[in-house]
Amino acid sequence: MDCAVIKFLHLIRAGSQAETIDTVRGIFTEGKAIYTGSKFLEKTHIQIAVVNLDCIKAVFRVPRSVIKQ
């Protein structure tokens, strides 16, 4: 769904002769506060959509053994 929204917005911009956008970043706040009174939430995350693939210079993968579950 997020991808469809981004693509639709780019179609609207293309039809209006607006400047193209290479990347889109969104912050999503979800979950409960990590402690009482906190503005940091358990599932807050950032999503980045790269529209222009020429912006990607390299890809780095974190080994599963390093990721805490």
C-alpha atoms as a PDB file:
ATOM      1  CA  MET A   1       0.000   0.000   0.000  1.00  0.00           C
ATOM      2  CA  ASP A   2       2.822   2.430   0.864  1.00  0.00           C
ATOM      3  CA  CYS A   3       4.413   1.781  -2.534  1.00  0.00           C
ATOM      4  CA  ALA A   4       1.116   2.449  -4.322  1.00  0.00           C
ATOM      5  CA  VAL A   5       0.735   5.797  -2.519  1.00  0.00           C
ATOM      6  CA  ILE A   6       4.279   6.873  -3.456  1.00  0.00           C
ATOM      7  CA  LYS A   7       3.773   5.862  -7.108  1.00  0.00           C
ATOM      8  CA  PHE A   8       0.436   7.706  -7.252  1.00  0.00           C
ATOM      9  CA  LEU A   9       1.958  10.890  -5.829  1.00  0.00           C
ATOM     10  CA  HIS A  10       4.714  10.721  -8.449  1.00  0.00           C
ATOM     11  CA  LEU A  11       2.098  10.371 -11.192  1.00  0.00           C
ATOM     12  CA  ILE A  12       0.327  13.484  -9.914  1.00  0.00           C
ATOM     13  CA  ARG A  13       3.605  15.431  -9.816  1.00  0.00           C
ATOM     14  CA  ALA A  14       4.582  14.266 -13.324  1.00  0.00           C
ATOM     15  CA  GLY A  15       1.227  15.492 -14.669  1.00  0.00           C
ATOM     16  CA  SER A  16       1.759  18.927 -13.122  1.00  0.00           C
ATOM     17  CA  GLN A  17       5.274  19.448 -14.534  1.00  0.00           C
ATOM     18  CA  ALA A  18       6.631  19.477 -10.958  1.00  0.00           C
ATOM     19  CA  GLU A  19      10.274  18.721 -10.226  1.00  0.00           C
ATOM     20  CA  THR A  20      11.022  14.997  -9.872  1.00  0.00           C
ATOM     21  CA  ILE A  21      11.826  13.491  -6.490  1.00  0.00           C
ATOM     22  CA  ASP A  22      14.592  10.904  -6.064  1.00  0.00           C
ATOM     23  CA  THR A  23      13.731   9.594  -2.595  1.00  0.00           C
ATOM     24  CA  VAL A  24      10.912   9.762  -0.071  1.00  0.00           C
ATOM     25  CA  ARG A  25      11.304   9.274   3.689  1.00  0.00           C
ATOM     26  CA  GLY A  26       8.487   8.643   6.126  1.00  0.00           C
ATOM     27  CA  ILE A  27       8.482   8.315   9.904  1.00  0.00           C
ATOM     28  CA  PHE A  28       5.883   6.018  11.412  1.00  0.00           C
ATOM     29  CA  THR A  29       5.177   6.127  15.149  1.00  0.00           C
ATOM     30  CA  GLU A  30       3.667   2.907  16.468  1.00  0.00           C
ATOM     31  CA  GLY A  31       3.342   0.947  19.670  1.00  0.00           C
ATOM     32  CA  LYS A  32       3.425   1.807  23.344  1.00  0.00           C
ATOM     33  CA  ALA A  33       5.799   4.253  25.013  1.00  0.00           C
ATOM     34  CA  ILE A  34       9.094   2.552  25.931  1.00  0.00           C
ATOM     35  CA  TYR A  35       8.683   3.983  29.440  1.00  0.00           C
ATOM     36  CA  THR A  36       6.091   6.161  31.194  1.00  0.00           C
ATOM     37  CA  GLY A  37       6.033   9.646  29.709  1.00  0.00           C
ATOM     38  CA  SER A  38       8.354   8.737  26.829  1.00  0.00           C
ATOM     39  CA  LYS A  39       7.751   9.999  23.293  1.00  0.00           C
ATOM     40  CA  PHE A  40       9.830   7.074  21.970  1.00  0.00           C
ATOM     41  CA  LEU A  41       7.548   4.191  21.015  1.00  0.00           C
ATOM     42  CA  GLU A  42       8.308   0.456  20.763  1.00  0.00           C
ATOM     43  CA  LYS A  43       7.704   0.090  17.023  1.00  0.00           C
ATOM     44  CA  THR A  44       8.578   3.532  15.659  1.00  0.00           C
ATOM     45  CA  HIS A  45      10.434   3.161  12.367  1.00  0.00           C
ATOM     46  CA  ILE A  46      11.532   5.010   9.252  1.00  0.00           C
ATOM     47  CA  GLN A  47      10.847   3.864   5.699  1.00  0.00           C
ATOM     48  CA  ILE A  48      12.807   5.118   2.722  1.00  0.00           C
ATOM     49  CA  ALA A  49      11.536   4.741  -0.857  1.00  0.00           C
ATOM     50  CA  VAL A  50      14.172   5.210  -3.537  1.00  0.00           C
ATOM     51  CA  VAL A  51      12.487   6.275  -6.768  1.00  0.00           C
ATOM     52  CA  ASN A  52      15.666   6.981  -8.743  1.00  0.00           C
ATOM     53  CA  LEU A  53      17.796   3.826  -8.522  1.00  0.00           C
ATOM     54  CA  ASP A  54      20.858   5.829  -9.609  1.00  0.00           C
ATOM     55  CA  CYS A  55      20.864   7.182  -6.037  1.00  0.00           C
ATOM     56  CA  ILE A  56      21.861   3.774  -4.661  1.00  0.00           C
ATOM     57  CA  LYS A  57      25.655   3.590  -4.543  1.00  0.00           C
ATOM     58  CA  ALA A  58      26.048   0.341  -2.559  1.00  0.00           C
ATOM     59  CA  VAL A  59      24.133  -2.211  -0.508  1.00  0.00           C
ATOM     60  CA  PHE A  60      25.326  -3.446   2.868  1.00  0.00           C
ATOM     61  CA  ARG A  61      23.803  -6.439   4.610  1.00  0.00           C
ATOM     62  CA  VAL A  62      24.033  -7.045   8.348  1.00  0.00           C
ATOM     63  CA  PRO A  63      24.717 -10.720   9.191  1.00  0.00           C
ATOM     64  CA  ARG A  64      21.793 -12.399  10.965  1.00  0.00           C
ATOM     65  CA  SER A  65      24.126 -13.370  13.816  1.00  0.00           C
ATOM     66  CA  VAL A  66      24.527  -9.658  14.668  1.00  0.00           C
ATOM     67  CA  ILE A  67      20.790  -8.850  14.733  1.00  0.00           C
ATOM     68  CA  LYS A  68      19.205  -9.039  18.179  1.00  0.00           C
ATOM     69  CA  GLN A  69      15.750 -10.595  18.180  1.00  0.00           C
END
